[in-house]
Amino acid sequence: MFLTIACRDAGSQYHNASASTALPEVARRRRVLPHQRPGTSEFKRLKTDQQRDKFVEEFWERRNPSPGFADNKFKEEHYRRLAYTNQHFAAGVAGYKSDRGRIYILYGPPDEREQHPGSADASIPADAPLRVRYPSDVWRYHFIKGLGGDVVFEFIDHCRCGEYQLHEDPTRKNPRSATEKQEMLLKTSLP
């Protein structure tokens, strides 16, 4: 499940911090909200910080591979991925809000990655592949549970400004009901 961060404080300290030093501070200062619909409306109805803190604690405990133990590998991996995206994919927005950040948080690092610089050559035909005309970043996963094998995400930087956008989302090739998509994301989001 992809998670978004709601700040208790103003500013973007997490975005600028390194993964190794920022996580304990970030964990204390930020709230984690489910990005997917279930639970989001429930969270918004909570009135006190105590209720919201309890909701977040229960959220992580439900995903803890070793329930009852303070060491939650799922949560640690989520925050590691979040820090990585903010360090490597930020351009105009925090890294976790970018398309590459979202995919990285959901599925982890790709098994293969091809980066193409694109061309500024005006003689390139308009019908040439986008990755030839614009900078692109192509991620290949050998297998993603719920999606199958050889899953490719292609990100294109149309503005040549570092803001790579997902060109074609392979998770939407086989339309599913909202419930099926949600179940798939819950099963595949983190190890």
N, C-alpha and C. Protein backbone atom coordinates (compact mmCIF):
# COMPACT_ATOMS: atom_id res chain seq x y z
N MET A 1 0.85 -1.18 0.00
CA MET A 1 0.00 0.00 0.00
C MET A 1 0.89 1.23 0.00
N PHE A 2 0.62 2.15 -0.87
CA PHE A 2 1.37 3.39 -0.92
C PHE A 2 0.88 4.28 0.18
N LEU A 3 1.78 4.96 0.85
CA LEU A 3 1.41 5.80 1.97
C LEU A 3 1.82 7.23 1.69
N THR A 4 1.00 8.14 2.10
CA THR A 4 1.39 9.54 1.99
C THR A 4 1.69 10.08 3.37
N ILE A 5 2.39 11.16 3.42
CA ILE A 5 2.81 11.75 4.68
C ILE A 5 2.09 13.07 4.88
N ALA A 6 1.52 13.24 6.04
CA ALA A 6 0.93 14.52 6.41
C ALA A 6 1.81 15.11 7.50
N CYS A 7 2.25 16.33 7.32
CA CYS A 7 3.18 16.95 8.25
C CYS A 7 2.47 17.49 9.48
N ARG A 8 3.04 17.26 10.64
CA ARG A 8 2.58 17.93 11.84
C ARG A 8 3.19 19.33 11.89
N ASP A 9 4.35 19.46 11.29
CA ASP A 9 5.03 20.74 11.30
C ASP A 9 5.16 21.27 9.88
N ALA A 10 5.41 22.53 9.76
CA ALA A 10 5.59 23.13 8.44
C ALA A 10 7.01 22.86 7.97
N GLY A 11 7.21 22.99 6.70
CA GLY A 11 8.55 22.81 6.16
C GLY A 11 8.74 21.45 5.53
N SER A 12 9.90 21.27 4.96
CA SER A 12 10.20 20.04 4.25
C SER A 12 11.53 19.47 4.72
N GLN A 13 11.68 19.31 6.03
CA GLN A 13 12.94 18.82 6.57
C GLN A 13 13.22 17.41 6.09
N TYR A 14 12.19 16.60 5.97
CA TYR A 14 12.39 15.22 5.55
C TYR A 14 12.93 15.16 4.15
N HIS A 15 12.41 15.99 3.29
CA HIS A 15 12.82 16.00 1.90
C HIS A 15 14.33 16.26 1.76
N ASN A 16 14.88 17.08 2.62
CA ASN A 16 16.29 17.45 2.51
C ASN A 16 17.21 16.58 3.37
N ALA A 17 16.64 15.75 4.21
CA ALA A 17 17.45 14.98 5.15
C ALA A 17 17.95 13.68 4.53
N SER A 18 19.03 13.16 5.07
CA SER A 18 19.53 11.88 4.58
C SER A 18 18.78 10.76 5.26
N ALA A 19 18.72 9.61 4.61
CA ALA A 19 17.97 8.47 5.13
C ALA A 19 18.51 8.01 6.47
N SER A 20 19.81 7.99 6.62
CA SER A 20 20.39 7.44 7.83
C SER A 20 20.18 8.33 9.06
N THR A 21 20.08 9.63 8.87
CA THR A 21 19.96 10.52 10.03
C THR A 21 18.55 11.02 10.26
N ALA A 22 17.70 11.02 9.24
CA ALA A 22 16.41 11.68 9.37
C ALA A 22 15.30 10.80 9.87
N LEU A 23 15.37 9.51 9.70
CA LEU A 23 14.21 8.68 9.98
C LEU A 23 13.68 8.76 11.40
N PRO A 24 14.51 8.68 12.45
CA PRO A 24 13.92 8.77 13.78
C PRO A 24 13.19 10.10 14.00
N GLU A 25 13.79 11.20 13.55
CA GLU A 25 13.16 12.51 13.69
C GLU A 25 11.86 12.56 12.89
N VAL A 26 11.90 12.07 11.68
CA VAL A 26 10.73 12.09 10.82
C VAL A 26 9.61 11.25 11.41
N ALA A 27 9.94 10.09 11.91
CA ALA A 27 8.92 9.21 12.47
C ALA A 27 8.19 9.89 13.63
N ARG A 28 8.91 10.70 14.39
CA ARG A 28 8.26 11.40 15.51
C ARG A 28 7.42 12.57 15.04
N ARG A 29 7.81 13.21 13.94
CA ARG A 29 7.18 14.47 13.56
C ARG A 29 6.12 14.35 12.49
N ARG A 30 5.99 13.19 11.88
CA ARG A 30 5.05 13.03 10.77
C ARG A 30 4.00 11.99 11.09
N ARG A 31 2.88 12.13 10.44
CA ARG A 31 1.83 11.13 10.53
C ARG A 31 1.79 10.38 9.21
N VAL A 32 1.50 9.11 9.31
CA VAL A 32 1.40 8.30 8.11
C VAL A 32 -0.07 8.02 7.86
N LEU A 33 -0.51 8.31 6.65
CA LEU A 33 -1.90 8.08 6.28
C LEU A 33 -1.95 7.12 5.10
N PRO A 34 -2.88 6.20 5.11
CA PRO A 34 -3.01 5.33 3.93
C PRO A 34 -3.39 6.17 2.71
N HIS A 35 -2.71 5.92 1.61
CA HIS A 35 -3.02 6.61 0.36
C HIS A 35 -4.29 6.05 -0.26
N GLN A 36 -4.49 4.76 -0.11
CA GLN A 36 -5.67 4.12 -0.67
C GLN A 36 -6.88 4.52 0.17
N ARG A 37 -8.05 4.37 -0.39
CA ARG A 37 -9.27 4.86 0.23
C ARG A 37 -9.63 4.24 1.60
N PRO A 38 -9.59 2.93 1.79
CA PRO A 38 -10.01 2.41 3.09
C PRO A 38 -9.18 2.98 4.21
N GLY A 39 -9.83 3.48 5.23
CA GLY A 39 -9.14 4.03 6.38
C GLY A 39 -8.92 5.52 6.28
N THR A 40 -8.82 6.07 5.09
CA THR A 40 -8.54 7.49 4.94
C THR A 40 -9.68 8.32 5.50
N SER A 41 -10.90 7.98 5.13
CA SER A 41 -12.03 8.75 5.64
C SER A 41 -12.18 8.55 7.15
N GLU A 42 -11.85 7.35 7.62
CA GLU A 42 -11.89 7.09 9.06
C GLU A 42 -10.88 7.98 9.77
N PHE A 43 -9.68 8.10 9.21
CA PHE A 43 -8.64 8.93 9.81
C PHE A 43 -9.08 10.39 9.86
N LYS A 44 -9.68 10.86 8.79
CA LYS A 44 -10.10 12.26 8.72
C LYS A 44 -11.18 12.58 9.74
N ARG A 45 -11.94 11.58 10.15
CA ARG A 45 -13.00 11.81 11.15
C ARG A 45 -12.46 11.90 12.58
N LEU A 46 -11.23 11.47 12.79
CA LEU A 46 -10.66 11.50 14.13
C LEU A 46 -10.44 12.95 14.56
N LYS A 47 -10.74 13.23 15.82
CA LYS A 47 -10.76 14.61 16.29
C LYS A 47 -9.53 15.01 17.11
N THR A 48 -8.88 14.06 17.74
CA THR A 48 -7.76 14.42 18.61
C THR A 48 -6.46 13.80 18.11
N ASP A 49 -5.33 14.39 18.53
CA ASP A 49 -4.03 13.82 18.19
C ASP A 49 -3.89 12.43 18.78
N GLN A 50 -4.44 12.23 19.97
CA GLN A 50 -4.36 10.91 20.61
C GLN A 50 -5.07 9.85 19.74
N GLN A 51 -6.23 10.17 19.21
CA GLN A 51 -6.95 9.24 18.34
C GLN A 51 -6.16 8.98 17.05
N ARG A 52 -5.60 10.03 16.49
CA ARG A 52 -4.82 9.88 15.26
C ARG A 52 -3.54 9.07 15.51
N ASP A 53 -2.87 9.31 16.64
CA ASP A 53 -1.67 8.54 16.98
C ASP A 53 -2.01 7.06 17.13
N LYS A 54 -3.14 6.78 17.76
CA LYS A 54 -3.57 5.38 17.94
C LYS A 54 -3.87 4.73 16.59
N PHE A 55 -4.53 5.48 15.71
CA PHE A 55 -4.84 4.96 14.38
C PHE A 55 -3.55 4.59 13.63
N VAL A 56 -2.56 5.50 13.67
CA VAL A 56 -1.30 5.26 12.98
C VAL A 56 -0.58 4.07 13.59
N GLU A 57 -0.57 3.97 14.91
CA GLU A 57 0.06 2.83 15.59
C GLU A 57 -0.60 1.51 15.16
N GLU A 58 -1.92 1.49 15.12
CA GLU A 58 -2.65 0.28 14.71
C GLU A 58 -2.43 -0.03 13.23
N PHE A 59 -2.33 1.02 12.42
CA PHE A 59 -2.07 0.85 10.99
C PHE A 59 -0.77 0.07 10.80
N TRP A 60 0.30 0.49 11.47
CA TRP A 60 1.59 -0.18 11.32
C TRP A 60 1.57 -1.57 11.95
N GLU A 61 0.90 -1.72 13.07
CA GLU A 61 0.86 -3.03 13.73
C GLU A 61 0.17 -4.07 12.85
N ARG A 62 -0.89 -3.67 12.13
CA ARG A 62 -1.58 -4.61 11.23
C ARG A 62 -0.64 -5.09 10.12
N ARG A 63 0.36 -4.33 9.78
CA ARG A 63 1.28 -4.68 8.70
C ARG A 63 2.60 -5.25 9.21
N ASN A 64 2.75 -5.36 10.51
CA ASN A 64 3.97 -5.85 11.13
C ASN A 64 4.12 -7.34 10.88
N PRO A 65 5.20 -7.77 10.22
CA PRO A 65 5.39 -9.20 9.97
C PRO A 65 5.62 -9.99 11.27
N SER A 66 6.00 -9.30 12.36
CA SER A 66 6.16 -9.93 13.67
C SER A 66 5.28 -9.19 14.67
N PRO A 67 3.96 -9.42 14.60
CA PRO A 67 3.04 -8.68 15.48
C PRO A 67 3.43 -8.78 16.95
N GLY A 68 3.28 -7.66 17.63
CA GLY A 68 3.59 -7.61 19.05
C GLY A 68 5.02 -7.19 19.35
N PHE A 69 5.90 -7.22 18.35
CA PHE A 69 7.28 -6.80 18.54
C PHE A 69 7.46 -5.38 18.01
N ALA A 70 8.28 -4.62 18.70
CA ALA A 70 8.49 -3.23 18.31
C ALA A 70 9.22 -3.12 16.96
N ASP A 71 10.06 -4.09 16.65
CA ASP A 71 10.81 -4.08 15.39
C ASP A 71 9.85 -4.44 14.25
N ASN A 72 9.52 -3.44 13.41
CA ASN A 72 8.57 -3.65 12.31
C ASN A 72 9.31 -3.46 10.99
N LYS A 73 9.70 -4.58 10.37
CA LYS A 73 10.48 -4.54 9.13
C LYS A 73 9.70 -3.85 7.99
N PHE A 74 8.40 -4.04 7.96
CA PHE A 74 7.56 -3.41 6.93
C PHE A 74 7.65 -1.89 7.03
N LYS A 75 7.51 -1.38 8.24
CA LYS A 75 7.56 0.06 8.47
C LYS A 75 8.96 0.60 8.16
N GLU A 76 10.01 -0.11 8.60
CA GLU A 76 11.38 0.32 8.33
C GLU A 76 11.64 0.38 6.83
N GLU A 77 11.18 -0.64 6.09
CA GLU A 77 11.39 -0.66 4.65
C GLU A 77 10.62 0.47 3.98
N HIS A 78 9.41 0.73 4.46
CA HIS A 78 8.63 1.84 3.90
C HIS A 78 9.39 3.16 4.06
N TYR A 79 9.89 3.43 5.25
CA TYR A 79 10.60 4.68 5.49
C TYR A 79 11.93 4.74 4.74
N ARG A 80 12.59 3.59 4.55
CA ARG A 80 13.82 3.57 3.76
C ARG A 80 13.50 3.96 2.32
N ARG A 81 12.43 3.37 1.76
CA ARG A 81 12.04 3.68 0.39
C ARG A 81 11.61 5.14 0.27
N LEU A 82 10.91 5.62 1.25
CA LEU A 82 10.47 7.01 1.25
C LEU A 82 11.67 7.96 1.23
N ALA A 83 12.65 7.69 2.06
CA ALA A 83 13.86 8.53 2.10
C ALA A 83 14.60 8.46 0.76
N TYR A 84 14.70 7.27 0.20
CA TYR A 84 15.39 7.12 -1.08
C TYR A 84 14.69 7.94 -2.17
N THR A 85 13.37 7.87 -2.23
CA THR A 85 12.65 8.61 -3.27
C THR A 85 12.83 10.10 -3.11
N ASN A 86 12.84 10.57 -1.88
CA ASN A 86 13.02 12.01 -1.66
C ASN A 86 14.42 12.47 -2.03
N GLN A 87 15.39 11.60 -1.90
CA GLN A 87 16.77 11.96 -2.26
C GLN A 87 17.01 11.87 -3.77
N HIS A 88 16.34 10.94 -4.45
CA HIS A 88 16.68 10.66 -5.84
C HIS A 88 15.65 11.10 -6.89
N PHE A 89 14.41 11.31 -6.49
CA PHE A 89 13.37 11.58 -7.49
C PHE A 89 12.65 12.90 -7.29
N ALA A 90 13.13 13.75 -6.42
CA ALA A 90 12.50 15.05 -6.19
C ALA A 90 12.81 15.99 -7.36
N ALA A 91 11.76 16.59 -7.90
CA ALA A 91 11.90 17.59 -8.96
C ALA A 91 10.57 18.31 -9.05
N GLY A 92 10.49 19.45 -8.45
CA GLY A 92 9.23 20.19 -8.45
C GLY A 92 8.32 19.78 -7.30
N VAL A 93 8.40 18.52 -6.90
CA VAL A 93 7.63 17.99 -5.77
C VAL A 93 8.55 17.07 -4.98
N ALA A 94 8.15 16.75 -3.76
CA ALA A 94 8.91 15.79 -2.97
C ALA A 94 8.98 14.47 -3.75
N GLY A 95 10.08 13.77 -3.62
CA GLY A 95 10.28 12.53 -4.38
C GLY A 95 9.17 11.51 -4.22
N TYR A 96 8.61 11.38 -3.02
CA TYR A 96 7.56 10.38 -2.81
C TYR A 96 6.27 10.73 -3.54
N LYS A 97 6.11 12.00 -3.94
CA LYS A 97 4.91 12.41 -4.67
C LYS A 97 5.06 12.25 -6.18
N SER A 98 6.27 11.98 -6.63
CA SER A 98 6.52 11.82 -8.06
C SER A 98 6.08 10.43 -8.53
N ASP A 99 5.92 10.27 -9.84
CA ASP A 99 5.54 8.96 -10.37
C ASP A 99 6.61 7.92 -10.07
N ARG A 100 7.87 8.26 -10.26
CA ARG A 100 8.94 7.30 -9.97
C ARG A 100 8.96 6.97 -8.48
N GLY A 101 8.74 7.97 -7.64
CA GLY A 101 8.70 7.73 -6.20
C GLY A 101 7.58 6.79 -5.81
N ARG A 102 6.41 7.01 -6.39
CA ARG A 102 5.25 6.15 -6.08
C ARG A 102 5.54 4.70 -6.45
N ILE A 103 6.08 4.48 -7.64
CA ILE A 103 6.37 3.12 -8.09
C ILE A 103 7.47 2.50 -7.23
N TYR A 104 8.49 3.28 -6.91
CA TYR A 104 9.58 2.76 -6.09
C TYR A 104 9.07 2.35 -4.70
N ILE A 105 8.23 3.18 -4.11
CA ILE A 105 7.69 2.85 -2.79
C ILE A 105 6.84 1.58 -2.86
N LEU A 106 6.03 1.46 -3.90
CA LEU A 106 5.16 0.28 -4.03
C LEU A 106 5.92 -1.01 -4.31
N TYR A 107 6.88 -0.97 -5.24
CA TYR A 107 7.49 -2.20 -5.74
C TYR A 107 8.98 -2.33 -5.44
N GLY A 108 9.59 -1.31 -4.87
CA GLY A 108 11.01 -1.38 -4.58
C GLY A 108 11.85 -1.05 -5.80
N PRO A 109 13.16 -1.24 -5.69
CA PRO A 109 14.03 -0.92 -6.82
C PRO A 109 13.77 -1.86 -7.99
N PRO A 110 13.88 -1.36 -9.21
CA PRO A 110 13.66 -2.22 -10.37
C PRO A 110 14.78 -3.24 -10.51
N ASP A 111 14.47 -4.36 -11.15
CA ASP A 111 15.49 -5.37 -11.42
C ASP A 111 16.45 -4.89 -12.50
N GLU A 112 15.94 -4.12 -13.44
CA GLU A 112 16.76 -3.54 -14.51
C GLU A 112 16.31 -2.09 -14.71
N ARG A 113 17.27 -1.26 -15.08
CA ARG A 113 16.95 0.15 -15.29
C ARG A 113 17.74 0.68 -16.48
N GLU A 114 17.05 1.35 -17.40
CA GLU A 114 17.69 1.98 -18.55
C GLU A 114 17.36 3.46 -18.51
N GLN A 115 18.38 4.28 -18.57
CA GLN A 115 18.17 5.71 -18.62
C GLN A 115 18.62 6.21 -19.99
N HIS A 116 17.74 6.96 -20.64
CA HIS A 116 18.03 7.51 -21.96
C HIS A 116 18.03 9.03 -21.86
N PRO A 117 19.07 9.68 -22.38
CA PRO A 117 19.15 11.14 -22.24
C PRO A 117 18.19 11.90 -23.14
N GLY A 118 17.63 11.25 -24.17
CA GLY A 118 16.81 11.98 -25.12
C GLY A 118 17.69 12.82 -26.03
N SER A 119 17.07 13.48 -26.96
CA SER A 119 17.85 14.28 -27.91
C SER A 119 17.23 15.65 -28.08
N ALA A 120 18.07 16.63 -28.18
CA ALA A 120 17.60 17.99 -28.44
C ALA A 120 17.65 18.28 -29.94
N ASP A 121 18.01 17.28 -30.72
CA ASP A 121 18.15 17.43 -32.17
C ASP A 121 16.77 17.66 -32.81
N ALA A 122 16.60 18.79 -33.44
CA ALA A 122 15.31 19.14 -34.05
C ALA A 122 14.99 18.28 -35.26
N SER A 123 15.99 17.57 -35.80
CA SER A 123 15.73 16.74 -36.99
C SER A 123 15.11 15.38 -36.64
N ILE A 124 14.96 15.09 -35.37
CA ILE A 124 14.34 13.82 -34.98
C ILE A 124 12.86 13.89 -35.35
N PRO A 125 12.35 12.89 -36.07
CA PRO A 125 10.94 12.93 -36.49
C PRO A 125 9.99 12.95 -35.30
N ALA A 126 8.87 13.62 -35.49
CA ALA A 126 7.86 13.73 -34.43
C ALA A 126 7.28 12.38 -34.04
N ASP A 127 7.34 11.39 -34.95
CA ASP A 127 6.78 10.08 -34.63
C ASP A 127 7.82 9.12 -34.04
N ALA A 128 9.02 9.62 -33.75
CA ALA A 128 10.06 8.81 -33.09
C ALA A 128 9.58 8.47 -31.68
N PRO A 129 10.03 7.34 -31.14
CA PRO A 129 9.61 6.98 -29.77
C PRO A 129 9.94 8.10 -28.78
N LEU A 130 9.09 8.26 -27.80
CA LEU A 130 9.28 9.33 -26.81
C LEU A 130 10.64 9.24 -26.14
N ARG A 131 11.12 8.02 -25.87
CA ARG A 131 12.39 7.89 -25.17
C ARG A 131 13.57 8.33 -26.03
N VAL A 132 13.36 8.48 -27.32
CA VAL A 132 14.40 9.02 -28.21
C VAL A 132 14.36 10.54 -28.19
N ARG A 133 13.14 11.09 -28.17
CA ARG A 133 12.98 12.54 -28.21
C ARG A 133 13.19 13.21 -26.86
N TYR A 134 12.81 12.55 -25.78
CA TYR A 134 12.87 13.14 -24.44
C TYR A 134 13.67 12.24 -23.50
N PRO A 135 14.22 12.82 -22.44
CA PRO A 135 14.87 11.97 -21.43
C PRO A 135 13.85 10.96 -20.88
N SER A 136 14.31 9.73 -20.68
CA SER A 136 13.41 8.71 -20.15
C SER A 136 14.15 7.81 -19.17
N ASP A 137 13.38 7.15 -18.36
CA ASP A 137 13.89 6.23 -17.35
C ASP A 137 12.98 5.01 -17.42
N VAL A 138 13.50 3.87 -17.84
CA VAL A 138 12.70 2.67 -18.04
C VAL A 138 13.07 1.66 -16.95
N TRP A 139 12.05 1.23 -16.20
CA TRP A 139 12.26 0.27 -15.12
C TRP A 139 11.60 -1.04 -15.49
N ARG A 140 12.34 -2.13 -15.32
CA ARG A 140 11.81 -3.47 -15.60
C ARG A 140 11.89 -4.30 -14.32
N TYR A 141 10.77 -4.90 -14.00
CA TYR A 141 10.69 -5.84 -12.88
C TYR A 141 10.47 -7.23 -13.46
N HIS A 142 11.28 -8.19 -13.05
CA HIS A 142 11.14 -9.54 -13.58
C HIS A 142 9.79 -10.14 -13.21
N PHE A 143 9.32 -9.84 -11.99
CA PHE A 143 8.02 -10.35 -11.56
C PHE A 143 7.49 -9.46 -10.44
N ILE A 144 6.21 -9.12 -10.54
CA ILE A 144 5.51 -8.42 -9.47
C ILE A 144 4.25 -9.21 -9.18
N LYS A 145 4.13 -9.66 -7.95
CA LYS A 145 2.96 -10.43 -7.55
C LYS A 145 1.70 -9.62 -7.83
N GLY A 146 0.76 -10.25 -8.50
CA GLY A 146 -0.49 -9.59 -8.85
C GLY A 146 -0.46 -8.94 -10.24
N LEU A 147 0.75 -8.72 -10.78
CA LEU A 147 0.89 -8.12 -12.11
C LEU A 147 1.49 -9.10 -13.10
N GLY A 148 2.32 -10.02 -12.61
CA GLY A 148 2.93 -11.00 -13.49
C GLY A 148 4.39 -10.70 -13.76
N GLY A 149 4.89 -11.30 -14.85
CA GLY A 149 6.30 -11.18 -15.19
C GLY A 149 6.56 -10.09 -16.21
N ASP A 150 7.81 -9.67 -16.26
CA ASP A 150 8.28 -8.67 -17.21
C ASP A 150 7.42 -7.41 -17.21
N VAL A 151 7.33 -6.78 -16.07
CA VAL A 151 6.54 -5.56 -15.90
C VAL A 151 7.46 -4.36 -16.13
N VAL A 152 7.06 -3.49 -17.05
CA VAL A 152 7.89 -2.35 -17.43
C VAL A 152 7.15 -1.04 -17.14
N PHE A 153 7.87 -0.13 -16.49
CA PHE A 153 7.37 1.22 -16.25
C PHE A 153 8.28 2.17 -17.01
N GLU A 154 7.71 3.00 -17.86
CA GLU A 154 8.50 3.96 -18.62
C GLU A 154 8.11 5.36 -18.18
N PHE A 155 9.10 6.11 -17.72
CA PHE A 155 8.91 7.48 -17.25
C PHE A 155 9.55 8.42 -18.26
N ILE A 156 8.83 9.46 -18.65
CA ILE A 156 9.29 10.42 -19.64
C ILE A 156 9.36 11.82 -19.02
N ASP A 157 10.44 12.52 -19.32
CA ASP A 157 10.63 13.90 -18.85
C ASP A 157 10.32 14.85 -20.02
N HIS A 158 9.04 15.13 -20.24
CA HIS A 158 8.60 15.95 -21.37
C HIS A 158 9.13 17.39 -21.31
N CYS A 159 9.31 17.90 -20.10
CA CYS A 159 9.75 19.29 -19.96
C CYS A 159 11.28 19.41 -19.88
N ARG A 160 11.97 18.30 -19.84
CA ARG A 160 13.43 18.27 -19.69
C ARG A 160 13.86 19.01 -18.42
N CYS A 161 13.06 18.85 -17.39
CA CYS A 161 13.30 19.56 -16.14
C CYS A 161 13.45 18.61 -14.94
N GLY A 162 13.52 17.31 -15.22
CA GLY A 162 13.67 16.34 -14.14
C GLY A 162 12.36 15.78 -13.62
N GLU A 163 11.24 16.25 -14.14
CA GLU A 163 9.92 15.77 -13.68
C GLU A 163 9.45 14.64 -14.59
N TYR A 164 9.89 13.45 -14.28
CA TYR A 164 9.55 12.27 -15.08
C TYR A 164 8.12 11.82 -14.75
N GLN A 165 7.34 11.63 -15.80
CA GLN A 165 5.96 11.18 -15.63
C GLN A 165 5.81 9.78 -16.21
N LEU A 166 4.99 8.97 -15.55
CA LEU A 166 4.74 7.62 -16.01
C LEU A 166 4.03 7.68 -17.35
N HIS A 167 4.63 7.08 -18.36
CA HIS A 167 4.09 7.14 -19.72
C HIS A 167 2.90 6.20 -19.87
N GLU A 168 3.08 4.97 -19.48
CA GLU A 168 1.99 3.99 -19.58
C GLU A 168 2.04 3.14 -18.32
N ASP A 169 0.94 3.07 -17.61
CA ASP A 169 0.90 2.37 -16.34
C ASP A 169 0.49 0.91 -16.56
N PRO A 170 1.44 -0.04 -16.43
CA PRO A 170 1.10 -1.44 -16.67
C PRO A 170 0.12 -2.02 -15.65
N THR A 171 -0.07 -1.34 -14.53
CA THR A 171 -1.04 -1.84 -13.56
C THR A 171 -2.46 -1.61 -14.04
N ARG A 172 -2.64 -0.78 -15.06
CA ARG A 172 -3.98 -0.48 -15.59
C ARG A 172 -4.27 -1.16 -16.91
N LYS A 173 -3.37 -2.02 -17.37
CA LYS A 173 -3.60 -2.71 -18.64
C LYS A 173 -4.76 -3.70 -18.55
N ASN A 174 -4.89 -4.33 -17.41
CA ASN A 174 -5.98 -5.27 -17.20
C ASN A 174 -6.94 -4.67 -16.20
N PRO A 175 -7.97 -3.96 -16.69
CA PRO A 175 -8.87 -3.28 -15.76
C PRO A 175 -9.45 -4.26 -14.74
N ARG A 176 -9.45 -3.83 -13.51
CA ARG A 176 -10.00 -4.62 -12.42
C ARG A 176 -10.95 -3.73 -11.64
N SER A 177 -11.72 -4.36 -10.80
CA SER A 177 -12.59 -3.57 -9.93
C SER A 177 -11.71 -2.84 -8.92
N ALA A 178 -12.25 -1.81 -8.32
CA ALA A 178 -11.50 -1.06 -7.32
C ALA A 178 -11.06 -1.96 -6.18
N THR A 179 -11.91 -2.88 -5.79
CA THR A 179 -11.59 -3.80 -4.70
C THR A 179 -10.43 -4.70 -5.07
N GLU A 180 -10.44 -5.25 -6.29
CA GLU A 180 -9.35 -6.12 -6.74
C GLU A 180 -8.03 -5.36 -6.80
N LYS A 181 -8.06 -4.12 -7.29
CA LYS A 181 -6.85 -3.31 -7.35
C LYS A 181 -6.30 -3.08 -5.94
N GLN A 182 -7.19 -2.79 -5.01
CA GLN A 182 -6.78 -2.52 -3.64
C GLN A 182 -6.17 -3.76 -3.01
N GLU A 183 -6.80 -4.91 -3.20
CA GLU A 183 -6.27 -6.15 -2.65
C GLU A 183 -4.91 -6.45 -3.25
N MET A 184 -4.75 -6.22 -4.56
CA MET A 184 -3.47 -6.45 -5.22
C MET A 184 -2.39 -5.56 -4.61
N LEU A 185 -2.70 -4.28 -4.40
CA LEU A 185 -1.72 -3.37 -3.82
C LEU A 185 -1.34 -3.78 -2.42
N LEU A 186 -2.30 -4.22 -1.62
CA LEU A 186 -2.00 -4.65 -0.26
C LEU A 186 -1.07 -5.85 -0.26
N LYS A 187 -1.25 -6.76 -1.22
CA LYS A 187 -0.44 -7.96 -1.29
C LYS A 187 0.94 -7.70 -1.85
N THR A 188 1.10 -6.69 -2.70
CA THR A 188 2.35 -6.51 -3.42
C THR A 188 3.17 -5.33 -2.95
N SER A 189 2.67 -4.50 -2.07
CA SER A 189 3.32 -3.23 -1.81
C SER A 189 4.71 -3.34 -1.19
N LEU A 190 4.88 -4.11 -0.17
CA LEU A 190 6.19 -4.25 0.47
C LEU A 190 6.36 -5.70 0.87
N PRO A 191 7.61 -6.13 1.04
CA PRO A 191 7.84 -7.54 1.41
C PRO A 191 7.24 -7.87 2.75
